[in-house]
């Protein structure tokens, strides 16, 4: 059978809903019933799907749908209210009005049918994931909760506020149009350096790519070996230093560590030609050298978060090829080194899309932070897009103050050459895991050549770095001494799982220390023997750092040294530069 091209399919499907009556049909009418003008949204979709779905499967889905829609119609005619198991329709206004309840129930049934069709398409896993993603995007966009005419909560709020909610909603929408993005938080409530990113410290070094912050110790003694933290360059570092009660930076300082942080510069046109090699050589390696000089030690703990972990591991592999082993330990949080499973982000990466980026940005230019933020919001559209359309625009409400979402809106650009290299060599061709397949900074890269005990963390509900993909690093690092690797699994997602303060004692984490001389080779085997513990995984990491941190010594009395003197207080000016 011929498989429709995923992007062409998505485009065709979108065109099915350019007619407003078709949208109304989708939201309120049975999915296989034509509208008054004869236009049937699903007829066109079924035509596209038909070439890729076995006839028996298609007929079974159609029969199941007709049975359910018939029952829904009978219930509606008899006055029986449908049960709406979806938080978008949890408000009482949806069930108080029979038409609104039927609209929501019909939409949910149509959505279920469309996603079942997407799952039934006969194609490879990658192509099916792309189609399902496109279907999910359109299904979420067409929820009756997203339109004033079909949202009884918004209508009720309009009456209760005597029209004020509509006026305020329009003002909110116009303000966001000027900003070019949807407001997810009360951004006036936060300011970097005032109430987020406030852990005391000094900038002790800077170059064109980053500033290096040394944090002020809070304990009379510290572990002898310092800690260098390398955050993702795709976001601002202060996700690791939000407010005092949820700051990972403050926590590790309080555990008796001398902590240094890389604060990446938000690239402007002057950095449009910066490469991946630059981020490794002038970024991670340079930062590590400065940390060693200031601390007077030849080794340091190296920490990497997300893309920062990929940069950190690449840098250590480069140094290993040069005959250096400067890491006392390596900590990787939600990091990909093996890109075999990149989760839902796979839908954005194929040869055609990467080649297009290379054509437009590979020789110079900037990947706008706004585009990156839009991509990540598309991974969770109901939570990060449509929820705010409903609240901010339809109901005229102001978003609450939330430090994590304030950070989420503080986008960063990426240099085009660096971004294109990263896409092709990791996400598309997965070469980083293959010893010698890549040359970085003039030397072949072999992750297995890094000699350092390693702490690897994954988040169980992570949709950006699936925890199984994070676990895959266990089989790449320390191949001659696999017991030097330790894996910890936390609850929640990519960010919330990491930012789980020890003081709050929330969520849980899993460890598996039963291996003896061997350890589980697969994520499934690891999980089978794992034990769940309540609370934060942070203390597990603190114990790991202490284990390899050396003896306790008096805490530094001042930041920097004779060569590297303080330049400005933390968090520095680089982190305050905005992409927009």
Protein backbone atom coordinates (compact mmCIF):
# COMPACT_ATOMS: atom_id res chain seq x y z
CA UNK A 1 0.00 0.00 0.00
CA UNK A 2 1.17 3.54 -0.69
CA UNK A 3 1.71 5.65 2.37
CA UNK A 4 0.75 9.39 2.13
CA UNK A 5 3.59 11.75 2.91
CA UNK A 6 3.14 12.93 6.55
CA UNK A 7 3.64 16.63 5.83
CA UNK A 8 1.43 16.54 2.74
CA UNK A 9 -1.18 14.69 4.75
CA UNK A 10 -1.09 17.31 7.51
CA UNK A 11 -1.46 20.08 4.94
CA UNK A 12 -4.38 18.31 3.27
CA UNK A 13 -6.06 17.70 6.57
CA UNK A 14 -5.71 21.33 7.62
CA UNK A 15 -7.39 22.37 4.38
CA UNK A 16 -10.42 20.27 5.30
CA UNK A 17 -11.23 22.80 8.02
CA UNK A 18 -10.89 26.11 6.20
CA UNK A 19 -14.68 26.22 5.81
CA UNK A 20 -16.18 27.53 9.10
CA UNK A 21 -19.18 25.24 8.69
CA UNK A 22 -16.78 22.30 8.60
CA UNK A 23 -15.27 23.36 11.92
CA UNK A 24 -18.74 23.63 13.41
CA UNK A 25 -19.53 20.20 12.04
CA UNK A 26 -16.47 18.75 13.68
CA UNK A 27 -17.31 20.24 17.04
CA UNK A 28 -20.99 19.48 17.26
CA UNK A 29 -22.03 16.87 14.67
CA UNK A 30 -21.32 13.17 14.14
CA UNK A 31 -18.02 12.81 12.35
CA UNK A 32 -19.35 10.87 9.35
CA UNK A 33 -22.35 13.12 8.72
CA UNK A 34 -22.03 15.74 5.93
CA UNK A 35 -22.63 19.38 6.75
CA UNK A 36 -25.47 21.30 5.18
CA UNK A 37 -23.31 22.29 2.19
CA UNK A 38 -22.20 18.70 1.62
CA UNK A 39 -18.71 19.24 3.01
CA UNK A 40 -17.59 16.36 5.22
CA UNK A 41 -14.32 16.95 7.09
CA UNK A 42 -13.65 13.31 7.81
CA UNK A 43 -14.52 12.15 4.31
CA UNK A 44 -11.42 13.84 2.99
CA UNK A 45 -9.33 12.53 5.85
CA UNK A 46 -10.58 8.99 5.38
CA UNK A 47 -9.68 9.24 1.72
CA UNK A 48 -6.12 10.13 2.66
CA UNK A 49 -5.98 7.42 5.29
CA UNK A 50 -7.68 4.81 3.14
CA UNK A 51 -4.53 3.98 1.19
CA UNK A 52 -2.69 3.22 4.40
CA UNK A 53 -5.25 1.41 6.57
CA UNK A 54 -6.28 -2.20 6.10
CA UNK A 55 -9.93 -2.28 4.95
CA UNK A 56 -10.94 -4.63 7.76
CA UNK A 57 -9.42 -2.36 10.40
CA UNK A 58 -11.01 0.72 8.86
CA UNK A 59 -14.43 -0.93 8.79
CA UNK A 60 -14.05 -2.04 12.41
CA UNK A 61 -13.20 1.49 13.49
CA UNK A 62 -16.09 2.88 11.48
CA UNK A 63 -18.51 0.37 13.02
CA UNK A 64 -17.33 1.14 16.54
CA UNK A 65 -17.67 4.86 15.87
CA UNK A 66 -21.21 4.57 14.47
CA UNK A 67 -22.26 2.49 17.46
CA UNK A 68 -20.93 5.05 19.93
CA UNK A 69 -22.25 8.10 18.10
CA UNK A 70 -25.65 6.42 17.81
CA UNK A 71 -25.72 5.81 21.56
CA UNK A 72 -24.65 9.38 22.22
CA UNK A 73 -27.48 10.68 20.02
CA UNK A 74 -30.03 8.46 21.76
CA UNK A 75 -28.87 9.67 25.16
CA UNK A 76 -29.12 13.26 23.99
CA UNK A 77 -32.66 12.82 22.68
CA UNK A 78 -33.73 11.13 25.93
CA UNK A 79 -32.23 13.94 28.04
CA UNK A 80 -29.43 11.84 29.52
CA UNK A 81 -26.35 13.99 30.14
CA UNK A 82 -23.04 12.57 28.87
CA UNK A 83 -20.16 12.03 31.27
CA UNK A 84 -17.19 14.18 30.24
CA UNK A 85 -13.92 12.64 31.39
CA UNK A 86 -11.72 15.53 30.32
CA UNK A 87 -10.47 18.42 32.42
CA UNK A 88 -11.18 20.89 29.62
CA UNK A 89 -14.89 20.26 30.19
CA UNK A 90 -14.90 19.81 33.96
CA UNK A 91 -16.71 23.09 34.70
CA UNK A 92 -20.39 22.87 35.61
CA UNK A 93 -21.35 25.13 32.68
CA UNK A 94 -20.60 22.31 30.25
CA UNK A 95 -23.16 19.93 31.79
CA UNK A 96 -25.76 22.52 32.71
CA UNK A 97 -26.47 23.17 29.02
CA UNK A 98 -27.45 19.98 27.10
CA UNK A 99 -26.17 21.36 23.78
CA UNK A 100 -22.80 22.24 25.30
CA UNK A 101 -22.54 18.80 26.86
CA UNK A 102 -23.39 17.14 23.54
CA UNK A 103 -20.92 19.37 21.72
CA UNK A 104 -18.12 18.36 24.09
CA UNK A 105 -19.06 14.66 24.05
CA UNK A 106 -19.28 14.61 20.26
CA UNK A 107 -15.90 16.33 20.00
CA UNK A 108 -14.31 13.79 22.36
CA UNK A 109 -15.74 10.89 20.39
CA UNK A 110 -14.58 12.35 17.09
CA UNK A 111 -11.15 12.93 18.60
CA UNK A 112 -10.98 9.33 19.80
CA UNK A 113 -11.90 8.11 16.32
CA UNK A 114 -9.36 10.32 14.55
CA UNK A 115 -6.51 9.23 16.83
CA UNK A 116 -7.51 5.60 16.36
CA UNK A 117 -7.31 6.13 12.59
CA UNK A 118 -3.85 7.64 12.97
CA UNK A 119 -2.70 4.66 15.04
CA UNK A 120 -4.10 2.26 12.44
CA UNK A 121 -2.13 3.66 9.51
CA UNK A 122 0.19 1.04 8.06
CA UNK A 123 3.58 2.73 8.14
CA UNK A 124 6.89 2.71 9.91
CA UNK A 125 7.02 3.94 13.52
CA UNK A 126 8.57 7.29 12.57
CA UNK A 127 5.97 8.04 9.87
CA UNK A 128 3.10 6.94 12.11
CA UNK A 129 4.36 9.17 14.91
CA UNK A 130 4.43 12.15 12.55
CA UNK A 131 0.89 11.51 11.41
CA UNK A 132 -0.35 11.01 14.96
CA UNK A 133 1.35 14.23 16.04
CA UNK A 134 -0.32 16.16 13.21
CA UNK A 135 -3.67 14.61 14.08
CA UNK A 136 -3.24 15.42 17.78
CA UNK A 137 -2.38 19.04 16.99
CA UNK A 138 -5.51 19.52 14.91
CA UNK A 139 -7.72 17.62 17.35
CA UNK A 140 -6.54 19.80 20.23
CA UNK A 141 -7.00 22.97 18.18
CA UNK A 142 -10.60 22.11 17.35
CA UNK A 143 -11.83 21.70 20.91
CA UNK A 144 -15.08 23.60 21.49
CA UNK A 145 -13.42 25.02 24.60
CA UNK A 146 -11.17 27.10 22.31
CA UNK A 147 -13.98 29.14 20.72
CA UNK A 148 -16.20 31.68 22.40
CA UNK A 149 -19.27 30.57 20.45
CA UNK A 150 -18.99 27.04 21.84
CA UNK A 151 -17.51 27.68 25.28
CA UNK A 152 -20.34 28.05 27.83
CA UNK A 153 -17.89 28.97 30.62
CA UNK A 154 -16.65 31.98 28.65
CA UNK A 155 -20.21 32.98 27.81
CA UNK A 156 -21.26 32.71 31.45
CA UNK A 157 -18.27 34.77 32.54
CA UNK A 158 -19.19 37.45 29.99
CA UNK A 159 -22.63 37.82 31.55
CA UNK A 160 -21.29 37.79 35.11
CA UNK A 161 -18.75 40.54 34.35
CA UNK A 162 -21.24 42.57 32.26
CA UNK A 163 -18.97 42.40 29.23
CA UNK A 164 -15.75 43.31 31.03
CA UNK A 165 -14.22 39.87 30.40
CA UNK A 166 -14.59 40.32 26.64
CA UNK A 167 -12.92 43.74 26.74
CA UNK A 168 -10.11 42.43 28.90
CA UNK A 169 -9.71 39.34 26.75
CA UNK A 170 -9.31 41.42 23.60
CA UNK A 171 -6.75 43.59 25.37
CA UNK A 172 -4.83 40.50 26.47
CA UNK A 173 -4.86 39.16 22.93
CA UNK A 174 -3.66 42.42 21.41
CA UNK A 175 -0.88 42.63 23.99
CA UNK A 176 0.27 39.11 23.16
CA UNK A 177 0.15 39.86 19.45
CA UNK A 178 2.56 42.71 20.06
CA UNK A 179 4.85 40.41 22.06
CA UNK A 180 4.56 37.68 19.46
CA UNK A 181 3.74 34.97 22.01
CA UNK A 182 1.06 33.85 24.45
CA UNK A 183 1.53 35.03 28.03
CA UNK A 184 1.75 32.04 30.35
CA UNK A 185 2.63 33.90 33.54
CA UNK A 186 2.41 37.34 35.09
CA UNK A 187 5.80 38.44 33.80
CA UNK A 188 5.72 41.66 35.80
CA UNK A 189 6.02 39.59 38.98
CA UNK A 190 9.59 38.46 38.25
CA UNK A 191 12.95 39.94 37.41
CA UNK A 192 16.17 38.03 36.97
CA UNK A 193 18.48 38.96 39.82
CA UNK A 194 15.68 40.39 41.96
CA UNK A 195 13.54 37.37 42.79
CA UNK A 196 14.75 34.65 40.41
CA UNK A 197 18.41 33.79 39.89
CA UNK A 198 19.30 35.26 43.30
CA UNK A 199 21.87 32.88 44.81
CA UNK A 200 24.79 35.15 45.83
CA UNK A 201 27.96 34.95 43.78
CA UNK A 202 30.30 36.75 41.41
CA UNK A 203 31.02 36.58 37.70
CA UNK A 204 34.72 35.68 37.61
CA UNK A 205 35.26 35.20 33.86
CA UNK A 206 33.62 35.96 30.56
CA UNK A 207 34.24 35.57 26.86
CA UNK A 208 32.03 36.01 23.81
CA UNK A 209 30.07 32.81 24.58
CA UNK A 210 29.55 32.68 28.33
CA UNK A 211 30.05 34.17 31.75
CA UNK A 212 31.33 31.99 34.60
CA UNK A 213 29.69 32.53 37.99
CA UNK A 214 31.30 31.43 41.25
CA UNK A 215 28.74 31.17 44.03
CA UNK A 216 29.43 32.33 47.58
CA UNK A 217 29.85 29.42 50.01
CA UNK A 218 27.41 29.11 52.91
CA UNK A 219 29.34 26.50 54.92
CA UNK A 220 32.64 26.97 56.82
CA UNK A 221 34.20 24.04 54.96
CA UNK A 222 33.67 22.69 51.45
CA UNK A 223 34.59 19.55 49.58
CA UNK A 224 38.01 19.93 48.07
CA UNK A 225 36.94 19.43 44.44
CA UNK A 226 34.70 22.11 42.86
CA UNK A 227 31.54 21.60 40.81
CA UNK A 228 31.09 23.06 37.32
CA UNK A 229 27.45 23.25 36.15
CA UNK A 230 26.79 23.44 32.40
CA UNK A 231 23.12 24.22 31.67
CA UNK A 232 21.46 23.96 28.26
CA UNK A 233 22.30 26.79 25.87
CA UNK A 234 18.77 26.47 24.52
CA UNK A 235 17.42 28.04 27.76
CA UNK A 236 18.58 30.40 30.50
CA UNK A 237 20.59 28.85 33.36
CA UNK A 238 18.35 30.21 36.11
CA UNK A 239 15.97 27.28 35.77
CA UNK A 240 18.53 25.78 38.16
CA UNK A 241 18.32 28.85 40.41
CA UNK A 242 14.71 30.04 40.45
CA UNK A 243 13.72 31.18 43.93
CA UNK A 244 15.53 30.20 47.15
CA UNK A 245 13.06 27.45 48.05
CA UNK A 246 13.39 25.66 44.69
CA UNK A 247 16.98 26.46 43.67
CA UNK A 248 19.16 23.47 42.89
CA UNK A 249 22.18 25.80 42.90
CA UNK A 250 21.47 27.01 46.42
CA UNK A 251 20.94 23.43 47.56
CA UNK A 252 24.31 22.13 46.32
CA UNK A 253 26.06 25.20 47.75
CA UNK A 254 24.45 24.43 51.12
CA UNK A 255 25.74 20.85 50.85
CA UNK A 256 29.29 22.15 51.06
CA UNK A 257 30.27 22.48 47.40
CA UNK A 258 32.21 25.23 45.65
CA UNK A 259 29.86 25.78 42.73
CA UNK A 260 30.57 27.40 39.35
CA UNK A 261 27.89 28.03 36.73
CA UNK A 262 28.17 28.62 32.98
CA UNK A 263 25.79 31.41 31.94
CA UNK A 264 25.53 31.17 28.16
CA UNK A 265 25.22 34.38 26.18
CA UNK A 266 21.96 34.89 24.32
CA UNK A 267 23.32 34.99 20.75
CA UNK A 268 22.82 38.04 18.60
CA UNK A 269 23.97 38.65 15.01
CA UNK A 270 27.55 38.91 16.21
CA UNK A 271 27.46 35.19 17.09
CA UNK A 272 25.67 34.07 13.93
CA UNK A 273 28.65 31.98 12.78
CA UNK A 274 29.42 30.18 16.04
CA UNK A 275 29.77 26.39 15.69
CA UNK A 276 29.30 23.32 17.89
CA UNK A 277 33.09 23.18 18.19
CA UNK A 278 33.04 26.69 19.64
CA UNK A 279 30.51 25.72 22.30
CA UNK A 280 32.74 22.78 23.24
CA UNK A 281 36.16 24.47 23.06
CA UNK A 282 35.43 28.09 23.95
CA UNK A 283 32.54 27.14 26.20
CA UNK A 284 32.73 23.94 28.25
CA UNK A 285 36.48 23.29 28.00
CA UNK A 286 37.39 26.91 28.68
CA UNK A 287 35.05 27.01 31.68
CA UNK A 288 36.60 23.84 33.09
CA UNK A 289 40.10 25.26 32.67
CA UNK A 290 39.15 28.45 34.53
CA UNK A 291 37.51 26.45 37.34
CA UNK A 292 40.69 24.41 37.74
CA UNK A 293 42.86 27.52 37.83
CA UNK A 294 40.68 29.28 40.41
CA UNK A 295 40.28 26.23 42.63
CA UNK A 296 43.88 25.11 42.33
CA UNK A 297 42.67 21.58 41.54
CA UNK A 298 43.34 19.55 38.43
CA UNK A 299 39.91 17.87 38.60
CA UNK A 300 36.33 19.00 39.10
CA UNK A 301 32.83 17.58 39.16
CA UNK A 302 31.20 18.24 35.77
CA UNK A 303 27.42 18.63 35.58
CA UNK A 304 25.33 18.86 32.42
CA UNK A 305 21.58 19.38 32.03
CA UNK A 306 19.80 18.46 28.77
CA UNK A 307 21.80 19.90 25.83
CA UNK A 308 24.31 21.11 28.40
CA UNK A 309 24.97 17.47 29.24
CA UNK A 310 25.57 16.65 25.58
CA UNK A 311 28.05 19.54 25.37
CA UNK A 312 29.73 18.52 28.65
CA UNK A 313 30.16 14.87 27.62
CA UNK A 314 31.47 15.90 24.20
CA UNK A 315 33.98 18.23 25.84
CA UNK A 316 35.24 15.50 28.18
CA UNK A 317 35.59 13.11 25.22
CA UNK A 318 37.62 15.75 23.36
CA UNK A 319 39.88 16.18 26.39
CA UNK A 320 40.23 12.40 26.71
CA UNK A 321 41.44 12.27 23.11
CA UNK A 322 44.02 14.89 24.08
CA UNK A 323 45.19 12.78 27.00
CA UNK A 324 43.38 14.64 29.78
CA UNK A 325 40.90 13.29 32.34
CA UNK A 326 39.84 16.39 34.33
CA UNK A 327 36.45 15.14 35.62
CA UNK A 328 36.25 13.91 39.21
CA UNK A 329 32.72 12.87 38.30
CA UNK A 330 30.16 13.45 35.56
CA UNK A 331 26.48 14.18 36.29
CA UNK A 332 24.02 14.12 33.39
CA UNK A 333 20.42 15.25 33.93
CA UNK A 334 17.79 14.42 31.26
CA UNK A 335 20.57 14.21 28.69
CA UNK A 336 20.72 12.47 25.33
CA UNK A 337 23.99 10.87 24.19
CA UNK A 338 22.32 8.05 22.28
CA UNK A 339 19.66 9.66 20.07
CA UNK A 340 17.95 6.43 19.03
CA UNK A 341 14.79 7.47 20.90
CA UNK A 342 14.15 11.21 20.89
CA UNK A 343 10.49 11.03 21.82
CA UNK A 344 8.00 13.30 20.15
CA UNK A 345 10.74 15.65 18.92
CA UNK A 346 11.34 13.11 16.15
CA UNK A 347 8.43 14.63 14.25
CA UNK A 348 10.48 17.79 13.67
CA UNK A 349 13.62 16.06 12.43
CA UNK A 350 14.04 14.35 9.08
CA UNK A 351 16.39 14.76 6.14
CA UNK A 352 14.20 17.32 4.39
CA UNK A 353 13.76 19.52 7.46
CA UNK A 354 17.43 19.36 8.46
CA UNK A 355 18.55 20.11 4.90
CA UNK A 356 16.26 23.13 4.85
CA UNK A 357 17.78 24.42 8.10
CA UNK A 358 21.27 23.86 6.70
CA UNK A 359 20.39 25.76 3.55
CA UNK A 360 19.07 28.76 5.46
CA UNK A 361 21.26 28.76 8.60
CA UNK A 362 24.18 26.41 8.08
CA UNK A 363 26.54 29.09 6.80
CA UNK A 364 25.46 31.71 9.31
CA UNK A 365 22.36 33.14 10.94
CA UNK A 366 20.27 32.69 14.05
CA UNK A 367 17.66 30.16 15.00
CA UNK A 368 15.18 32.47 16.78
CA UNK A 369 14.35 31.64 20.36
CA UNK A 370 10.72 32.39 19.63
CA UNK A 371 10.62 29.55 17.08
CA UNK A 372 12.20 27.16 19.55
CA UNK A 373 9.69 28.13 22.24
CA UNK A 374 6.81 27.59 19.82
CA UNK A 375 8.14 24.13 18.99
CA UNK A 376 8.31 23.10 22.65
CA UNK A 377 4.84 24.52 23.34
CA UNK A 378 3.51 22.41 20.48
CA UNK A 379 4.57 19.30 22.38
CA UNK A 380 1.94 20.06 25.05
CA UNK A 381 -0.57 22.33 23.27
CA UNK A 382 -3.48 21.93 25.68
CA UNK A 383 -1.33 22.93 28.66
CA UNK A 384 0.92 25.52 27.03
CA UNK A 385 -1.27 27.04 24.29
CA UNK A 386 -5.01 26.41 24.40
CA UNK A 387 -5.34 26.69 28.16
CA UNK A 388 -4.11 30.28 27.92
CA UNK A 389 -6.27 31.05 24.89
CA UNK A 390 -9.29 30.03 26.97
CA UNK A 391 -8.27 31.80 30.17
CA UNK A 392 -6.55 34.93 28.84
CA UNK A 393 -8.63 35.70 25.76
CA UNK A 394 -12.05 34.04 26.08
CA UNK A 395 -12.43 34.72 29.81
CA UNK A 396 -10.28 37.85 30.08
CA UNK A 397 -8.26 36.56 33.03
CA UNK A 398 -4.66 37.39 33.86
CA UNK A 399 -2.23 34.46 34.10
CA UNK A 400 -0.91 33.87 37.62
CA UNK A 401 2.68 34.49 38.67
CA UNK A 402 4.67 31.27 38.15
CA UNK A 403 8.46 31.37 38.15
CA UNK A 404 8.93 28.28 35.97
CA UNK A 405 6.62 29.60 33.25
CA UNK A 406 8.29 33.02 33.45
CA UNK A 407 11.56 31.23 32.70
CA UNK A 408 9.87 29.21 29.95
CA UNK A 409 8.98 32.44 28.13
CA UNK A 410 12.52 33.84 28.44
CA UNK A 411 13.75 32.44 25.14
CA UNK A 412 17.27 32.14 23.76
CA UNK A 413 18.49 32.18 20.18
CA UNK A 414 20.94 29.65 18.80
CA UNK A 415 23.70 30.21 16.22
CA UNK A 416 22.70 28.62 12.93
CA UNK A 417 25.87 26.58 12.27
CA UNK A 418 25.86 25.16 15.80
CA UNK A 419 22.15 24.33 15.60
CA UNK A 420 22.45 22.63 12.20
CA UNK A 421 25.47 20.54 13.27
CA UNK A 422 23.58 19.43 16.36
CA UNK A 423 20.45 18.46 14.41
CA UNK A 424 22.25 16.44 11.75
CA UNK A 425 24.93 14.68 13.78
CA UNK A 426 22.85 13.82 16.82
CA UNK A 427 19.09 13.83 16.21
CA UNK A 428 19.20 12.78 12.55
CA UNK A 429 22.29 10.58 12.16
CA UNK A 430 22.98 9.64 15.82
CA UNK A 431 26.75 9.66 15.39
CA UNK A 432 27.80 10.86 18.84
CA UNK A 433 27.37 7.40 20.36
CA UNK A 434 29.63 5.76 17.74
CA UNK A 435 33.34 5.88 18.74
CA UNK A 436 35.31 7.90 16.21
CA UNK A 437 32.32 8.71 13.99
CA UNK A 438 32.57 12.44 14.74
CA UNK A 439 35.51 14.80 14.84
CA UNK A 440 35.05 17.69 17.25
CA UNK A 441 37.68 20.35 17.91
CA UNK A 442 40.07 18.47 15.65
CA UNK A 443 39.97 15.08 17.41
CA UNK A 444 37.80 11.95 17.12
CA UNK A 445 35.14 11.66 19.81
CA UNK A 446 34.76 8.51 21.90
CA UNK A 447 32.42 8.84 24.88
CA UNK A 448 33.73 5.55 26.21
CA UNK A 449 37.14 7.12 26.72
CA UNK A 450 35.86 9.38 29.52
CA UNK A 451 37.13 8.09 32.85
CA UNK A 452 34.85 9.39 35.60
CA UNK A 453 32.15 7.97 37.88
CA UNK A 454 28.84 9.04 36.40
CA UNK A 455 25.46 9.97 37.87
CA UNK A 456 22.68 9.78 35.27
CA UNK A 457 19.20 11.13 35.97
CA UNK A 458 16.01 10.68 33.93
CA UNK A 459 12.42 11.87 34.49
CA UNK A 460 9.72 9.24 34.20
CA UNK A 461 7.20 11.39 32.28
CA UNK A 462 9.77 13.25 30.19
CA UNK A 463 8.47 13.83 26.64
CA UNK A 464 11.66 15.55 25.44
CA UNK A 465 14.26 13.07 26.75
CA UNK A 466 12.41 9.79 27.41
CA UNK A 467 13.89 8.23 30.53
CA UNK A 468 14.80 5.09 28.58
CA UNK A 469 16.90 7.30 26.28
CA UNK A 470 18.61 8.89 29.27
CA UNK A 471 19.31 5.39 30.60
CA UNK A 472 21.00 4.49 27.30
CA UNK A 473 24.00 6.59 28.40
CA UNK A 474 24.70 3.86 30.96
CA UNK A 475 25.88 1.63 28.09
CA UNK A 476 28.08 4.31 26.49
CA UNK A 477 30.05 5.61 29.47
CA UNK A 478 32.70 3.68 31.42
CA UNK A 479 32.43 0.54 29.25
CA UNK A 480 35.37 -1.05 31.11
CA UNK A 481 33.90 -0.20 34.51
CA UNK A 482 30.09 -0.13 34.23
CA UNK A 483 29.68 -0.13 38.00
CA UNK A 484 31.03 3.43 37.95
CA UNK A 485 27.68 4.50 36.46
CA UNK A 486 24.59 5.11 38.60
CA UNK A 487 21.09 5.79 37.31
CA UNK A 488 18.32 7.56 39.24
CA UNK A 489 14.78 7.96 37.91
CA UNK A 490 12.59 10.80 39.13
CA UNK A 491 8.87 11.36 38.86
CA UNK A 492 7.24 13.99 36.61
CA UNK A 493 8.61 15.59 33.44
CA UNK A 494 11.63 17.18 31.83
CA UNK A 495 11.72 20.27 34.05
CA UNK A 496 9.41 19.56 36.99
CA UNK A 497 11.18 16.27 37.64
CA UNK A 498 14.54 18.01 37.92
CA UNK A 499 13.29 20.96 39.96
CA UNK A 500 11.99 18.91 42.88
CA UNK A 501 13.30 20.60 46.06
CA UNK A 502 14.44 18.35 48.86
CA UNK A 503 12.73 20.62 51.42
CA UNK A 504 9.29 20.04 49.89
CA UNK A 505 9.48 16.22 50.19
CA UNK A 506 7.20 15.82 47.16
CA UNK A 507 6.95 13.23 44.39
CA UNK A 508 9.29 10.23 44.42
CA UNK A 509 12.29 8.65 42.73
CA UNK A 510 13.58 5.17 41.93
CA UNK A 511 17.02 3.60 42.41
CA UNK A 512 18.38 0.13 41.73
CA UNK A 513 21.50 -0.69 43.75
CA UNK A 514 21.05 -4.47 43.70
CA UNK A 515 23.48 -5.25 40.94
CA UNK A 516 26.45 -6.51 42.91
CA UNK A 517 29.27 -7.01 40.44
CA UNK A 518 26.95 -6.54 37.49
CA UNK A 519 24.17 -4.15 36.71
CA UNK A 520 21.06 -4.35 34.52
CA UNK A 521 21.94 -3.80 30.88
CA UNK A 522 18.49 -2.63 29.77
CA UNK A 523 16.10 -0.01 31.09
CA UNK A 524 13.38 -2.66 31.50
CA UNK A 525 15.64 -4.87 33.62
CA UNK A 526 16.71 -1.85 35.66
CA UNK A 527 13.11 -0.83 36.31
CA UNK A 528 12.11 -4.34 37.26
CA UNK A 529 14.53 -4.28 40.20
CA UNK A 530 14.16 -0.60 41.11
CA UNK A 531 12.87 0.59 44.47
CA UNK A 532 10.68 3.67 44.88
CA UNK A 533 11.52 6.27 47.53
CA UNK A 534 9.33 9.20 48.52
CA UNK A 535 10.63 12.73 48.16
CA UNK A 536 13.34 14.41 46.10
CA UNK A 537 16.26 12.75 44.35
CA UNK A 538 18.50 15.73 45.22
CA UNK A 539 19.99 14.10 48.36
CA UNK A 540 21.04 11.10 46.26
CA UNK A 541 23.02 13.43 44.03
CA UNK A 542 24.49 15.30 47.01
CA UNK A 543 25.79 12.00 48.42
CA UNK A 544 27.31 11.15 45.04
CA UNK A 545 29.16 14.48 44.90
CA UNK A 546 30.39 14.06 48.48
CA UNK A 547 31.62 10.54 47.73
CA UNK A 548 33.95 11.80 45.01
CA UNK A 549 34.52 15.33 46.30
CA UNK A 550 37.67 14.75 48.34
CA UNK A 551 38.40 15.89 51.86
CA UNK A 552 36.80 18.95 53.44
CA UNK A 553 38.83 22.16 53.29
CA UNK A 554 38.14 25.74 54.46
CA UNK A 555 35.66 27.52 52.20
CA UNK A 556 37.09 30.18 49.86
CA UNK A 557 37.03 33.62 51.45
CA UNK A 558 36.63 35.42 48.12
CA UNK A 559 35.60 34.63 44.57
CA UNK A 560 38.18 34.17 41.84
CA UNK A 561 41.93 34.53 42.28
CA UNK A 562 44.71 36.89 41.32
CA UNK A 563 44.15 36.31 37.61
CA UNK A 564 40.36 36.01 37.58
CA UNK A 565 38.88 38.80 39.66
CA UNK A 566 35.15 39.45 40.13
CA UNK A 567 33.60 41.33 37.22
CA UNK A 568 30.03 41.83 38.48
CA UNK A 569 27.60 40.22 40.94
CA UNK A 570 25.65 37.12 39.99
CA UNK A 571 23.60 36.46 37.95
CA UNK A 572 25.53 38.71 35.56
CA UNK A 573 24.35 40.61 32.54
CA UNK A 574 24.46 37.80 29.91
CA UNK A 575 21.43 36.05 31.40
CA UNK A 576 19.40 39.25 31.32
CA UNK A 577 19.64 39.71 27.54
CA UNK A 578 16.32 38.72 25.95
CA UNK A 579 15.85 37.10 22.56
CA UNK A 580 12.90 39.37 21.75
